[in-house]
Amino acid sequence: MESIYLDNNLKLSFEKLPHTTRLIVSKNDEEWVCRKEKLEKLLAFTDINQTQAFKGRLRLIKSNHNIDIQVKNNYIGTIAAEKFKQVLNNLK
């Protein structure tokens, strides 16, 4: 499992499953929200000119060279798009 630490005791983790990748946002080491998505779709999101990945409680919004993370329509943090892509490549 790969993780990126955010502010306010939040963490974005990536768990590789047999056919998908599970994105998990944890708050104080307790799972808060998660989303399962194919790794290929997540990598495509980093490469193409798409500004938002998925709808629902967990959203990723790309702006410039960063990815903003929203949970329940509230901004919780930003990570560099290159770091996001690097973590995804580590899951291959």
Protein backbone atom coordinates (compact mmCIF):
# COMPACT_ATOMS: atom_id res chain seq x y z
CA MET A 1 0.00 0.00 0.00
CA GLU A 2 1.27 3.45 -0.92
CA SER A 3 0.31 6.62 1.00
CA ILE A 4 0.52 10.40 0.64
CA TYR A 5 0.22 12.43 3.81
CA LEU A 6 -1.96 15.53 3.75
CA ASP A 7 -2.53 18.29 6.31
CA ASN A 8 -4.77 17.96 9.38
CA ASN A 9 -3.91 14.30 10.13
CA LEU A 10 -5.31 13.16 6.77
CA LYS A 11 -3.76 10.53 4.53
CA LEU A 12 -4.53 9.39 0.97
CA SER A 13 -3.65 5.73 0.52
CA PHE A 14 -3.65 3.49 -2.54
CA GLU A 15 -4.35 -0.21 -2.08
CA LYS A 16 -3.78 -2.51 -5.03
CA LEU A 17 -6.54 -5.08 -5.47
CA PRO A 18 -6.70 -7.83 -8.14
CA HIS A 19 -8.62 -5.77 -10.72
CA THR A 20 -8.83 -2.29 -9.22
CA THR A 21 -7.08 0.20 -6.99
CA ARG A 22 -8.73 1.37 -3.81
CA LEU A 23 -8.20 5.02 -2.88
CA ILE A 24 -8.66 5.58 0.84
CA VAL A 25 -8.79 8.85 2.73
CA SER A 26 -8.00 8.29 6.40
CA LYS A 27 -8.52 10.75 9.21
CA ASN A 28 -6.45 10.09 12.35
CA ASP A 29 -5.68 6.59 10.99
CA GLU A 30 -9.37 5.70 10.67
CA GLU A 31 -10.87 5.14 7.22
CA TRP A 32 -13.07 8.10 6.32
CA VAL A 33 -13.98 7.53 2.66
CA CYS A 34 -12.83 5.26 -0.15
CA ARG A 35 -13.28 4.68 -3.86
CA LYS A 36 -12.37 1.72 -6.09
CA GLU A 37 -11.16 2.53 -9.59
CA LYS A 38 -9.11 0.83 -12.31
CA LEU A 39 -5.45 1.80 -12.26
CA GLU A 40 -5.53 2.53 -16.01
CA LYS A 41 -8.30 5.08 -15.52
CA LEU A 42 -6.39 6.83 -12.73
CA LEU A 43 -3.24 7.00 -14.86
CA ALA A 44 -5.26 8.35 -17.80
CA PHE A 45 -6.64 11.07 -15.51
CA THR A 46 -3.09 12.27 -14.82
CA ASP A 47 -2.15 12.32 -18.52
CA ILE A 48 -5.16 13.68 -20.39
CA ASN A 49 -6.80 17.07 -20.24
CA GLN A 50 -9.53 15.92 -17.87
CA THR A 51 -10.19 18.18 -14.90
CA GLN A 52 -12.21 15.91 -12.61
CA ALA A 53 -12.10 12.23 -11.71
CA PHE A 54 -15.30 10.61 -10.49
CA LYS A 55 -18.37 11.98 -8.83
CA GLY A 56 -19.53 11.12 -5.35
CA ARG A 57 -18.11 11.60 -1.90
CA LEU A 58 -14.44 11.43 -2.97
CA ARG A 59 -13.41 13.68 -5.86
CA LEU A 60 -10.10 14.49 -7.49
CA ILE A 61 -9.87 17.81 -9.31
CA LYS A 62 -6.84 18.63 -11.45
CA SER A 63 -5.69 22.25 -11.69
CA ASN A 64 -2.38 23.22 -13.27
CA HIS A 65 0.17 20.72 -11.91
CA ASN A 66 -1.76 19.85 -8.75
CA ILE A 67 -4.64 17.60 -7.78
CA ASP A 68 -7.14 18.90 -5.23
CA ILE A 69 -8.89 16.32 -3.09
CA GLN A 70 -12.48 16.86 -2.01
CA VAL A 71 -14.56 14.77 0.38
CA LYS A 72 -18.29 15.47 0.54
CA ASN A 73 -17.72 18.67 -1.50
CA ASN A 74 -15.18 19.99 1.04
CA TYR A 75 -11.58 20.66 0.07
CA ILE A 76 -9.22 18.58 2.23
CA GLY A 77 -5.85 18.92 0.52
CA THR A 78 -3.67 19.25 -2.55
CA ILE A 79 -0.95 17.01 -3.91
CA ALA A 80 1.39 17.44 -6.85
CA ALA A 81 0.12 15.65 -9.95
CA GLU A 82 3.60 14.22 -10.52
CA LYS A 83 3.67 12.70 -7.03
CA PHE A 84 0.19 11.21 -7.60
CA LYS A 85 1.37 9.67 -10.86
CA GLN A 86 4.54 8.34 -9.25
CA VAL A 87 2.53 6.55 -6.55
CA LEU A 88 0.27 5.01 -9.21
CA ASN A 89 3.30 3.81 -11.17
CA ASN A 90 4.63 2.14 -8.01
CA LEU A 91 1.42 0.04 -7.93
CA LYS A 92 1.98 -1.48 -11.38
